[in-house]
Amino acid sequence: MKYRSVFDIIGPVMIGPSSSHTAGAARIGRAARSLFGRKPSRVTVTFYGSFAKTYRGHGTDIAIVGGVLDFDTHDRRIVQSLDIARREGVEVVFLESEEIPDHPNTARILLEDEAGSTEVTGISIGGGKMEIVELNGFELRLSGSSPALLIMHHDRYGAIANVAKVLAENRINVGYMQVSRKEKGSMALMIIETDQSVGDEIQNEISRLSEITGVTVLQ
């Protein structure tokens, strides 16, 4: 399929295929890249529901890969994202699942390199908006519309309170917070959306807290 410009794929932010299947998909891919923290060497994308049926015709494949390459939705390079990924040594695999998802526009992205892997599940909810609903098996709700902290920690008393204290001392206001855990007393994931950006100094301060094993900041 040939495209004359990026606007043939992304289009304006509107209700319809170009926003749900391309702009939203690109943002899912870019969020996955941010959570992985670097360019992967291998990407496996599993499409579900409507995505699985229409991803080629609606440009969802090139949009997600463009996002993984850290291209914004208006970046003209998106139309060549598969070729660019190939040239940069990023192996891309697309899979179609017959499993019925909770949301019709669902994609699961596995990003890998020799240092590790990250698996992200996102949904495109219309108007170019998306939500990340799972990260490495932890359930969450992350819109990407506000700065966010994702904090891996041991499920222990005081871990949440200590993080909240650091944010309060630095005058960072919390807009939304969620804690997800697979099993009581094991590892947990703290998701905090903030009204202000969180700088490296605050990130490092949180990283040094007891029970904290990892901190990712999404601006």
Protein backbone atom coordinates (compact mmCIF):
# COMPACT_ATOMS: atom_id res chain seq x y z
CA MET A 1 0.00 0.00 0.00
CA LYS A 2 1.40 3.43 -0.96
CA TYR A 3 1.04 6.62 1.06
CA ARG A 4 1.49 10.12 -0.33
CA SER A 5 2.21 11.69 3.03
CA VAL A 6 2.09 10.97 6.75
CA PHE A 7 -1.36 12.57 6.83
CA ASP A 8 -2.71 9.69 4.73
CA ILE A 9 -1.86 7.46 7.67
CA ILE A 10 -2.19 9.47 10.83
CA GLY A 11 -4.69 12.10 9.79
CA PRO A 12 -6.01 14.66 12.22
CA VAL A 13 -6.97 13.67 15.75
CA MET A 14 -10.54 12.50 15.21
CA ILE A 15 -12.87 9.61 15.88
CA GLY A 16 -12.26 6.98 13.23
CA PRO A 17 -9.66 4.53 11.92
CA SER A 18 -6.88 7.06 11.36
CA SER A 19 -6.87 8.10 15.01
CA SER A 20 -7.56 4.75 16.63
CA HIS A 21 -5.51 2.53 14.35
CA THR A 22 -2.55 4.81 13.66
CA ALA A 23 -2.13 7.79 16.00
CA GLY A 24 -3.15 5.76 19.05
CA ALA A 25 -1.03 2.83 17.90
CA ALA A 26 2.03 5.05 17.42
CA ARG A 27 1.63 6.34 20.95
CA ILE A 28 1.42 2.78 22.28
CA GLY A 29 4.67 1.98 20.50
CA ARG A 30 6.39 5.11 21.78
CA ALA A 31 5.26 4.44 25.37
CA ALA A 32 6.64 0.90 25.08
CA ARG A 33 9.97 2.34 23.89
CA SER A 34 10.05 4.73 26.87
CA LEU A 35 9.32 1.92 29.30
CA PHE A 36 12.06 -0.23 27.74
CA GLY A 37 14.40 2.74 27.94
CA ARG A 38 16.40 2.19 24.74
CA LYS A 39 16.18 0.99 21.15
CA PRO A 40 15.48 -2.76 21.10
CA SER A 41 17.14 -5.26 18.80
CA ARG A 42 13.96 -7.33 18.41
CA VAL A 43 10.28 -6.37 18.58
CA THR A 44 7.37 -8.82 18.58
CA VAL A 45 3.95 -7.21 18.13
CA THR A 46 0.82 -9.28 18.75
CA PHE A 47 -2.40 -7.74 17.48
CA TYR A 48 -5.83 -8.55 18.91
CA GLY A 49 -9.40 -7.84 17.89
CA SER A 50 -9.86 -5.15 15.26
CA PHE A 51 -6.13 -4.51 15.13
CA ALA A 52 -5.51 -8.14 14.09
CA LYS A 53 -7.96 -7.86 11.21
CA THR A 54 -7.01 -4.47 9.79
CA TYR A 55 -3.49 -3.56 10.89
CA ARG A 56 -1.96 -3.72 7.40
CA GLY A 57 -4.64 -1.69 5.64
CA HIS A 58 -4.88 0.95 8.35
CA GLY A 59 -1.13 1.40 8.86
CA THR A 60 -1.16 0.12 12.44
CA ASP A 61 1.98 -1.93 11.81
CA ILE A 62 4.09 1.01 10.63
CA ALA A 63 2.60 3.26 13.32
CA ILE A 64 3.56 0.95 16.18
CA VAL A 65 7.06 0.40 14.81
CA GLY A 66 7.43 4.13 14.28
CA GLY A 67 6.54 4.65 17.92
CA VAL A 68 9.06 2.02 19.01
CA LEU A 69 11.67 3.95 17.00
CA ASP A 70 10.68 7.01 19.09
CA PHE A 71 8.88 8.84 16.26
CA ASP A 72 6.01 11.14 17.23
CA THR A 73 2.65 10.79 15.47
CA HIS A 74 3.40 13.71 13.11
CA ASP A 75 6.90 12.48 12.20
CA ARG A 76 7.07 11.87 8.44
CA ARG A 77 9.50 9.01 8.95
CA ILE A 78 6.64 6.85 10.21
CA VAL A 79 5.72 5.91 6.65
CA GLN A 80 9.13 4.25 6.25
CA SER A 81 9.37 2.87 9.78
CA LEU A 82 9.61 -0.79 8.75
CA ASP A 83 12.46 -0.02 6.35
CA ILE A 84 14.20 2.19 8.92
CA ALA A 85 13.92 -0.54 11.57
CA ARG A 86 15.45 -3.04 9.16
CA ARG A 87 18.33 -0.70 8.32
CA GLU A 88 19.00 -0.07 12.01
CA GLY A 89 19.12 -3.78 12.78
CA VAL A 90 15.79 -4.00 14.61
CA GLU A 91 14.05 -7.29 13.85
CA VAL A 92 10.26 -6.91 13.76
CA VAL A 93 7.74 -9.76 13.96
CA PHE A 94 3.96 -9.34 13.69
CA LEU A 95 1.55 -11.92 15.12
CA GLU A 96 -2.24 -12.07 14.88
CA SER A 97 -4.14 -13.52 17.85
CA GLU A 98 -7.63 -14.96 17.71
CA GLU A 99 -8.03 -14.41 21.44
CA ILE A 100 -10.91 -12.05 22.23
CA PRO A 101 -9.50 -9.01 24.08
CA ASP A 102 -11.24 -6.74 26.58
CA HIS A 103 -10.79 -3.89 24.09
CA PRO A 104 -10.98 -4.34 20.29
CA ASN A 105 -7.87 -2.22 19.58
CA THR A 106 -5.27 -4.09 21.61
CA ALA A 107 -1.58 -4.66 20.95
CA ARG A 108 1.03 -6.50 23.00
CA ILE A 109 4.63 -5.46 22.33
CA LEU A 110 7.65 -7.44 23.46
CA LEU A 111 10.90 -5.47 23.22
CA GLU A 112 14.17 -7.35 23.60
CA ASP A 113 17.93 -6.98 23.44
CA GLU A 114 20.89 -8.75 25.00
CA ALA A 115 20.41 -6.77 28.24
CA GLY A 116 16.79 -7.79 28.86
CA SER A 117 13.18 -7.55 27.77
CA THR A 118 10.00 -5.61 28.48
CA GLU A 119 6.44 -6.59 27.56
CA VAL A 120 3.79 -3.91 27.24
CA THR A 121 0.08 -4.20 26.42
CA GLY A 122 -1.72 -1.11 25.19
CA ILE A 123 -5.16 -0.18 23.90
CA SER A 124 -6.11 2.59 21.48
CA ILE A 125 -9.23 4.24 22.86
CA GLY A 126 -10.05 6.71 20.07
CA GLY A 127 -9.13 10.25 19.17
CA GLY A 128 -5.45 9.32 19.08
CA LYS A 129 -5.49 8.46 22.77
CA MET A 130 -4.17 5.26 24.29
CA GLU A 131 -3.74 3.47 27.60
CA ILE A 132 -1.05 1.07 28.75
CA VAL A 133 -2.92 -1.65 30.63
CA GLU A 134 -0.18 -4.16 31.41
CA LEU A 135 3.58 -4.01 32.01
CA ASN A 136 5.55 -7.23 32.48
CA GLY A 137 2.48 -8.97 33.84
CA PHE A 138 1.43 -6.12 36.18
CA GLU A 139 -1.98 -4.62 35.51
CA LEU A 140 -2.11 -0.83 35.35
CA ARG A 141 -3.79 2.16 33.72
CA LEU A 142 -1.37 4.63 32.21
CA SER A 143 -2.59 7.25 29.74
CA GLY A 144 0.69 8.96 28.93
CA SER A 145 -1.04 12.34 29.14
CA SER A 146 0.77 13.36 32.37
CA PRO A 147 4.28 12.86 33.74
CA ALA A 148 4.44 9.51 35.48
CA LEU A 149 6.62 7.48 37.83
CA LEU A 150 6.71 3.70 37.56
CA ILE A 151 8.36 2.28 40.65
CA MET A 152 9.16 -1.39 41.20
CA HIS A 153 9.34 -2.26 44.88
CA HIS A 154 9.05 -5.01 47.44
CA ASP A 155 5.49 -5.27 48.75
CA ARG A 156 6.40 -4.09 52.25
CA TYR A 157 4.99 -1.74 54.86
CA GLY A 158 6.14 1.86 54.41
CA ALA A 159 7.31 1.65 50.78
CA ILE A 160 4.45 3.77 49.44
CA ALA A 161 4.59 6.25 52.32
CA ASN A 162 8.32 6.83 51.81
CA VAL A 163 7.83 7.63 48.12
CA ALA A 164 4.94 9.97 48.91
CA LYS A 165 7.13 11.76 51.47
CA VAL A 166 9.86 12.41 48.88
CA LEU A 167 7.31 13.81 46.41
CA ALA A 168 5.72 16.02 49.08
CA GLU A 169 9.09 17.39 50.21
CA ASN A 170 9.85 18.33 46.60
CA ARG A 171 6.41 19.90 46.09
CA ILE A 172 5.34 17.33 43.49
CA ASN A 173 1.58 16.95 43.43
CA VAL A 174 0.09 13.50 42.77
CA GLY A 175 -2.79 13.44 40.29
CA TYR A 176 -3.31 9.67 40.18
CA MET A 177 -1.80 6.68 41.94
CA GLN A 178 -2.18 2.93 41.61
CA VAL A 179 -0.35 -0.06 43.07
CA SER A 180 -0.36 -3.38 41.26
CA ARG A 181 0.99 -6.64 42.66
CA LYS A 182 0.94 -10.21 41.42
CA GLU A 183 1.09 -11.76 44.86
CA LYS A 184 0.93 -10.45 48.44
CA GLY A 185 4.35 -9.83 49.92
CA SER A 186 6.27 -10.23 46.65
CA MET A 187 7.06 -7.54 44.06
CA ALA A 188 4.73 -4.64 43.32
CA LEU A 189 4.50 -1.81 40.80
CA MET A 190 3.62 1.70 41.93
CA ILE A 191 2.22 4.00 39.21
CA ILE A 192 2.10 7.70 40.05
CA GLU A 193 0.97 10.40 37.63
CA THR A 194 2.13 13.85 38.71
CA ASP A 195 1.26 17.45 37.90
CA GLN A 196 4.92 18.41 37.60
CA SER A 197 7.86 16.81 35.85
CA VAL A 198 10.12 14.65 38.01
CA GLY A 199 13.81 15.39 37.53
CA ASP A 200 16.83 13.12 37.87
CA GLU A 201 17.60 14.28 41.41
CA ILE A 202 14.16 13.25 42.69
CA GLN A 203 14.31 10.01 40.70
CA ASN A 204 17.66 9.15 42.30
CA GLU A 205 16.35 10.02 45.75
CA ILE A 206 13.45 7.62 45.30
CA SER A 207 15.79 4.94 43.92
CA ARG A 208 17.81 5.03 47.14
CA LEU A 209 14.79 4.34 49.35
CA SER A 210 14.46 1.05 51.16
CA GLU A 211 12.41 -1.60 49.28
CA ILE A 212 12.69 0.25 45.93
CA THR A 213 14.24 -1.86 43.14
CA GLY A 214 13.72 0.32 40.08
CA VAL A 215 12.35 3.71 38.99
CA THR A 216 11.24 4.77 35.49
CA VAL A 217 10.12 8.32 34.72
CA LEU A 218 7.85 9.08 31.78
CA GLN A 219 7.72 12.82 31.03
